[in-house]
Amino acid sequence: MPVKVGDAIRRMRGRLRKSQREFSEMLGSQRNSISRYEADLVQPSLPVLWKLYHMAEKDEKETFETAIREQIGTDLVGTPARITMPMAHIRDLVVFQDRLAALDAWNPGKRRDFHAFLGAVLDVVTTARSIDSSIPELLRLWRDCAQNRDASAAFRRAVEYLRVSLVLPASVKSTGQPNPKA
């Protein structure tokens, strides 16, 4: 029978001989969060699960790995799901999602855009395709020029041009008809 996350947290805290306050400081959480985690009333955030995974002994890791995979899958799909990518990719995703959460706190209301962006990045990462050097350069330009309205308009025009010149011809070649959904 799989160990519940709350039980695994309680066991780990006991193994480390830490009070809930001390353990919460180690995780960067509030003290009352630890009692709610241990009672399985609240699921720890992805960054907290990641810290727990790395603090876990070998026999404790599976519980936290499963929780991480389920949380990422649910975040991406919107319904309970579990992703199966290698943990090295998950590490990158956790770091990325942590940065997105910080950005979300700074710029509330844009979460839907972040999920779409995260989904596109995840597609690239999980297909193991090599990434053309122009992609990181485009992202750097977007980051550096995000507040410039002219730059935003240029990025939208560039995407529309790529969609028309790359996606539509590919759909016509495969079906003989333009694909309006492309």
C-alpha atoms as a PDB file:
ATOM      1  CA  MET A   1       0.000   0.000   0.000  1.00  0.00           C
ATOM      2  CA  PRO A   2       1.496   3.367  -1.004  1.00  0.00           C
ATOM      3  CA  VAL A   3       2.457   5.774   1.766  1.00  0.00           C
ATOM      4  CA  LYS A   4       0.413   8.985   1.890  1.00  0.00           C
ATOM      5  CA  VAL A   5       2.327  12.244   1.496  1.00  0.00           C
ATOM      6  CA  GLY A   6       1.234  13.403   4.957  1.00  0.00           C
ATOM      7  CA  ASP A   7       2.523  10.202   6.589  1.00  0.00           C
ATOM      8  CA  ALA A   8       5.798  10.487   4.687  1.00  0.00           C
ATOM      9  CA  ILE A   9       6.242  14.093   5.858  1.00  0.00           C
ATOM     10  CA  ARG A  10       5.498  13.157   9.474  1.00  0.00           C
ATOM     11  CA  ARG A  11       7.985  10.250   9.314  1.00  0.00           C
ATOM     12  CA  MET A  12      10.656  12.437   7.719  1.00  0.00           C
ATOM     13  CA  ARG A  13      10.192  15.158  10.327  1.00  0.00           C
ATOM     14  CA  GLY A  14      10.452  12.522  13.060  1.00  0.00           C
ATOM     15  CA  ARG A  15      13.568  11.017  11.482  1.00  0.00           C
ATOM     16  CA  LEU A  16      15.152  14.476  11.378  1.00  0.00           C
ATOM     17  CA  ARG A  17      13.973  15.164  14.953  1.00  0.00           C
ATOM     18  CA  LYS A  18      12.484  18.521  14.011  1.00  0.00           C
ATOM     19  CA  SER A  19       9.495  20.328  15.437  1.00  0.00           C
ATOM     20  CA  GLN A  20       6.859  21.536  13.002  1.00  0.00           C
ATOM     21  CA  ARG A  21       8.280  25.053  13.346  1.00  0.00           C
ATOM     22  CA  GLU A  22      11.844  23.898  12.600  1.00  0.00           C
ATOM     23  CA  PHE A  23      10.693  21.733   9.721  1.00  0.00           C
ATOM     24  CA  SER A  24       8.620  24.560   8.246  1.00  0.00           C
ATOM     25  CA  GLU A  25      11.716  26.788   8.302  1.00  0.00           C
ATOM     26  CA  MET A  26      13.678  24.107   6.450  1.00  0.00           C
ATOM     27  CA  LEU A  27      10.979  23.973   3.761  1.00  0.00           C
ATOM     28  CA  GLY A  28      10.281  27.689   3.609  1.00  0.00           C
ATOM     29  CA  SER A  29       6.660  27.062   4.638  1.00  0.00           C
ATOM     30  CA  GLN A  30       4.487  28.348   7.436  1.00  0.00           C
ATOM     31  CA  ARG A  31       4.357  26.256  10.614  1.00  0.00           C
ATOM     32  CA  ASN A  32       0.621  25.627  10.327  1.00  0.00           C
ATOM     33  CA  SER A  33       1.168  24.313   6.787  1.00  0.00           C
ATOM     34  CA  ILE A  34       3.189  21.399   8.158  1.00  0.00           C
ATOM     35  CA  SER A  35       0.317  20.218  10.363  1.00  0.00           C
ATOM     36  CA  ARG A  36      -2.069  20.489   7.384  1.00  0.00           C
ATOM     37  CA  TYR A  37       0.360  18.582   5.140  1.00  0.00           C
ATOM     38  CA  GLU A  38       0.760  15.842   7.754  1.00  0.00           C
ATOM     39  CA  ALA A  39      -3.018  15.514   8.097  1.00  0.00           C
ATOM     40  CA  ASP A  40      -3.327  15.329   4.267  1.00  0.00           C
ATOM     41  CA  LEU A  41      -5.640  18.343   4.370  1.00  0.00           C
ATOM     42  CA  VAL A  42      -3.457  20.277   1.918  1.00  0.00           C
ATOM     43  CA  GLN A  43      -1.050  19.093  -0.760  1.00  0.00           C
ATOM     44  CA  PRO A  44       2.363  20.804  -0.535  1.00  0.00           C
ATOM     45  CA  SER A  45       3.257  23.099  -3.416  1.00  0.00           C
ATOM     46  CA  LEU A  46       5.527  21.786  -6.141  1.00  0.00           C
ATOM     47  CA  PRO A  47       8.625  23.591  -4.780  1.00  0.00           C
ATOM     48  CA  VAL A  48       7.954  22.138  -1.296  1.00  0.00           C
ATOM     49  CA  LEU A  49       7.455  18.639  -2.742  1.00  0.00           C
ATOM     50  CA  TRP A  50      10.733  19.051  -4.593  1.00  0.00           C
ATOM     51  CA  LYS A  51      12.558  19.982  -1.367  1.00  0.00           C
ATOM     52  CA  LEU A  52      10.961  17.005   0.398  1.00  0.00           C
ATOM     53  CA  TYR A  53      12.031  14.705  -2.430  1.00  0.00           C
ATOM     54  CA  HIS A  54      15.630  15.844  -2.042  1.00  0.00           C
ATOM     55  CA  MET A  55      15.549  15.563   1.743  1.00  0.00           C
ATOM     56  CA  ALA A  56      14.052  12.069   1.564  1.00  0.00           C
ATOM     57  CA  GLU A  57      15.941   8.879   2.240  1.00  0.00           C
ATOM     58  CA  LYS A  58      16.007   6.317  -0.564  1.00  0.00           C
ATOM     59  CA  ASP A  59      12.957   4.441   0.767  1.00  0.00           C
ATOM     60  CA  GLU A  60      10.964   7.710   1.129  1.00  0.00           C
ATOM     61  CA  LYS A  61      11.605   9.138  -2.353  1.00  0.00           C
ATOM     62  CA  GLU A  62       8.913   7.182  -4.210  1.00  0.00           C
ATOM     63  CA  THR A  63       6.076   8.878  -2.297  1.00  0.00           C
ATOM     64  CA  PHE A  64       7.344  12.361  -3.119  1.00  0.00           C
ATOM     65  CA  GLU A  65       8.245  11.486  -6.706  1.00  0.00           C
ATOM     66  CA  THR A  66       4.717  10.191  -7.280  1.00  0.00           C
ATOM     67  CA  ALA A  67       3.209  13.336  -5.722  1.00  0.00           C
ATOM     68  CA  ILE A  68       5.420  15.546  -7.913  1.00  0.00           C
ATOM     69  CA  ARG A  69       4.483  13.660 -11.084  1.00  0.00           C
ATOM     70  CA  GLU A  70       0.776  13.811 -10.211  1.00  0.00           C
ATOM     71  CA  GLN A  71       0.839  17.497  -9.348  1.00  0.00           C
ATOM     72  CA  ILE A  72       2.617  18.476 -12.572  1.00  0.00           C
ATOM     73  CA  GLY A  73       0.295  16.274 -14.610  1.00  0.00           C
ATOM     74  CA  THR A  74      -2.783  17.757 -12.952  1.00  0.00           C
ATOM     75  CA  ASP A  75      -1.459  21.313 -13.367  1.00  0.00           C
ATOM     76  CA  LEU A  76      -0.898  20.770 -17.071  1.00  0.00           C
ATOM     77  CA  VAL A  77      -3.996  18.757 -17.941  1.00  0.00           C
ATOM     78  CA  GLY A  78      -6.444  20.239 -15.441  1.00  0.00           C
ATOM     79  CA  THR A  79      -7.659  16.824 -14.279  1.00  0.00           C
ATOM     80  CA  PRO A  80      -5.841  14.149 -12.269  1.00  0.00           C
ATOM     81  CA  ALA A  81      -2.927  12.900 -14.372  1.00  0.00           C
ATOM     82  CA  ARG A  82       0.626  11.665 -13.857  1.00  0.00           C
ATOM     83  CA  ILE A  83       3.539  12.592 -16.098  1.00  0.00           C
ATOM     84  CA  THR A  84       6.244  10.064 -16.936  1.00  0.00           C
ATOM     85  CA  MET A  85       9.217  12.203 -17.972  1.00  0.00           C
ATOM     86  CA  PRO A  86      12.686  11.683 -16.433  1.00  0.00           C
ATOM     87  CA  MET A  87      13.307  13.385 -13.072  1.00  0.00           C
ATOM     88  CA  ALA A  88      16.036  15.558 -14.656  1.00  0.00           C
ATOM     89  CA  HIS A  89      13.384  17.138 -16.882  1.00  0.00           C
ATOM     90  CA  ILE A  90      11.051  17.437 -13.922  1.00  0.00           C
ATOM     91  CA  ARG A  91      13.767  19.335 -12.033  1.00  0.00           C
ATOM     92  CA  ASP A  92      13.951  21.866 -14.859  1.00  0.00           C
ATOM     93  CA  LEU A  93      10.182  22.089 -14.910  1.00  0.00           C
ATOM     94  CA  VAL A  94      10.009  22.652 -11.141  1.00  0.00           C
ATOM     95  CA  VAL A  95      12.544  25.469 -11.397  1.00  0.00           C
ATOM     96  CA  PHE A  96      10.620  26.936 -14.312  1.00  0.00           C
ATOM     97  CA  GLN A  97       7.283  26.646 -12.519  1.00  0.00           C
ATOM     98  CA  ASP A  98       8.782  28.209  -9.385  1.00  0.00           C
ATOM     99  CA  ARG A  99       9.914  31.182 -11.474  1.00  0.00           C
ATOM    100  CA  LEU A 100       6.480  31.404 -13.067  1.00  0.00           C
ATOM    101  CA  ALA A 101       4.872  31.429  -9.628  1.00  0.00           C
ATOM    102  CA  ALA A 102       7.144  34.306  -8.611  1.00  0.00           C
ATOM    103  CA  LEU A 103       6.214  36.116 -11.809  1.00  0.00           C
ATOM    104  CA  ASP A 104       2.537  35.385 -11.197  1.00  0.00           C
ATOM    105  CA  ALA A 105       2.815  36.961  -7.743  1.00  0.00           C
ATOM    106  CA  TRP A 106       4.390  39.995  -9.364  1.00  0.00           C
ATOM    107  CA  ASN A 107       1.881  40.150 -12.239  1.00  0.00           C
ATOM    108  CA  PRO A 108      -1.432  38.585 -11.070  1.00  0.00           C
ATOM    109  CA  GLY A 109      -4.099  37.547 -13.534  1.00  0.00           C
ATOM    110  CA  LYS A 110      -1.772  36.171 -16.224  1.00  0.00           C
ATOM    111  CA  ARG A 111      -1.780  32.545 -15.037  1.00  0.00           C
ATOM    112  CA  ARG A 112      -3.603  31.214 -18.126  1.00  0.00           C
ATOM    113  CA  ASP A 113      -0.885  32.663 -20.361  1.00  0.00           C
ATOM    114  CA  PHE A 114       1.791  31.030 -18.190  1.00  0.00           C
ATOM    115  CA  HIS A 115       0.117  27.639 -18.443  1.00  0.00           C
ATOM    116  CA  ALA A 116      -0.048  27.896 -22.225  1.00  0.00           C
ATOM    117  CA  PHE A 117       3.620  28.871 -22.303  1.00  0.00           C
ATOM    118  CA  LEU A 118       4.573  26.110 -19.876  1.00  0.00           C
ATOM    119  CA  GLY A 119       2.647  23.596 -21.991  1.00  0.00           C
ATOM    120  CA  ALA A 120       4.542  24.635 -25.120  1.00  0.00           C
ATOM    121  CA  VAL A 121       7.884  24.363 -23.306  1.00  0.00           C
ATOM    122  CA  LEU A 122       6.901  20.967 -21.919  1.00  0.00           C
ATOM    123  CA  ASP A 123       6.044  19.755 -25.431  1.00  0.00           C
ATOM    124  CA  VAL A 124       9.526  20.712 -26.619  1.00  0.00           C
ATOM    125  CA  VAL A 125      11.275  19.189 -23.595  1.00  0.00           C
ATOM    126  CA  THR A 126       9.393  15.898 -23.663  1.00  0.00           C
ATOM    127  CA  THR A 127       9.823  15.259 -27.396  1.00  0.00           C
ATOM    128  CA  ALA A 128      13.627  15.333 -26.976  1.00  0.00           C
ATOM    129  CA  ARG A 129      14.023  17.435 -30.093  1.00  0.00           C
ATOM    130  CA  SER A 130      17.089  19.601 -30.322  1.00  0.00           C
ATOM    131  CA  ILE A 131      16.295  23.254 -29.819  1.00  0.00           C
ATOM    132  CA  ASP A 132      17.331  25.618 -32.576  1.00  0.00           C
ATOM    133  CA  SER A 133      19.590  28.380 -31.240  1.00  0.00           C
ATOM    134  CA  SER A 134      17.133  30.993 -32.513  1.00  0.00           C
ATOM    135  CA  ILE A 135      14.511  29.938 -29.927  1.00  0.00           C
ATOM    136  CA  PRO A 136      16.447  31.029 -26.807  1.00  0.00           C
ATOM    137  CA  GLU A 137      17.419  34.216 -28.666  1.00  0.00           C
ATOM    138  CA  LEU A 138      13.751  34.931 -29.419  1.00  0.00           C
ATOM    139  CA  LEU A 139      12.898  34.382 -25.760  1.00  0.00           C
ATOM    140  CA  ARG A 140      15.679  36.746 -24.657  1.00  0.00           C
ATOM    141  CA  LEU A 141      14.431  39.393 -27.088  1.00  0.00           C
ATOM    142  CA  TRP A 142      10.870  38.897 -25.880  1.00  0.00           C
ATOM    143  CA  ARG A 143      12.023  39.208 -22.260  1.00  0.00           C
ATOM    144  CA  ASP A 144      14.054  42.346 -22.953  1.00  0.00           C
ATOM    145  CA  CYS A 145      11.369  44.022 -25.068  1.00  0.00           C
ATOM    146  CA  ALA A 146       8.187  42.828 -23.354  1.00  0.00           C
ATOM    147  CA  GLN A 147       7.152  46.331 -22.283  1.00  0.00           C
ATOM    148  CA  ASN A 148       7.605  47.809 -25.749  1.00  0.00           C
ATOM    149  CA  ARG A 149       4.290  47.913 -27.657  1.00  0.00           C
ATOM    150  CA  ASP A 150       6.029  48.009 -31.038  1.00  0.00           C
ATOM    151  CA  ALA A 151       8.090  44.956 -30.111  1.00  0.00           C
ATOM    152  CA  SER A 152       4.947  43.100 -28.962  1.00  0.00           C
ATOM    153  CA  ALA A 153       3.272  43.910 -32.265  1.00  0.00           C
ATOM    154  CA  ALA A 154       6.387  42.711 -34.139  1.00  0.00           C
ATOM    155  CA  PHE A 155       6.341  39.400 -32.241  1.00  0.00           C
ATOM    156  CA  ARG A 156       2.638  38.905 -33.071  1.00  0.00           C
ATOM    157  CA  ARG A 157       3.306  39.649 -36.757  1.00  0.00           C
ATOM    158  CA  ALA A 158       6.262  37.230 -36.759  1.00  0.00           C
ATOM    159  CA  VAL A 159       4.120  34.457 -35.269  1.00  0.00           C
ATOM    160  CA  GLU A 160       1.360  35.087 -37.799  1.00  0.00           C
ATOM    161  CA  TYR A 161       3.909  35.022 -40.628  1.00  0.00           C
ATOM    162  CA  LEU A 162       5.345  31.706 -39.354  1.00  0.00           C
ATOM    163  CA  ARG A 163       1.865  30.256 -38.953  1.00  0.00           C
ATOM    164  CA  VAL A 164       0.895  31.208 -42.494  1.00  0.00           C
ATOM    165  CA  SER A 165       4.190  30.226 -44.114  1.00  0.00           C
ATOM    166  CA  LEU A 166       4.883  27.017 -42.176  1.00  0.00           C
ATOM    167  CA  VAL A 167       1.734  25.540 -40.661  1.00  0.00           C
ATOM    168  CA  LEU A 168      -0.791  26.210 -43.407  1.00  0.00           C
ATOM    169  CA  PRO A 169       1.383  24.879 -46.271  1.00  0.00           C
ATOM    170  CA  ALA A 170       2.076  21.720 -44.233  1.00  0.00           C
ATOM    171  CA  SER A 171      -1.650  21.122 -43.689  1.00  0.00           C
ATOM    172  CA  VAL A 172      -2.362  21.690 -47.387  1.00  0.00           C
ATOM    173  CA  LYS A 173       0.367  19.208 -48.392  1.00  0.00           C
ATOM    174  CA  SER A 174      -0.973  16.482 -46.121  1.00  0.00           C
ATOM    175  CA  THR A 175      -4.702  16.900 -46.855  1.00  0.00           C
ATOM    176  CA  GLY A 176      -4.909  18.930 -50.034  1.00  0.00           C
ATOM    177  CA  GLN A 177      -7.084  21.420 -48.110  1.00  0.00           C
ATOM    178  CA  PRO A 178      -6.069  24.292 -45.830  1.00  0.00           C
ATOM    179  CA  ASN A 179      -6.647  23.465 -42.189  1.00  0.00           C
ATOM    180  CA  PRO A 180      -8.424  26.397 -40.544  1.00  0.00           C
ATOM    181  CA  LYS A 181      -7.585  25.006 -37.085  1.00  0.00           C
ATOM    182  CA  ALA A 182      -3.839  25.095 -37.766  1.00  0.00           C
END
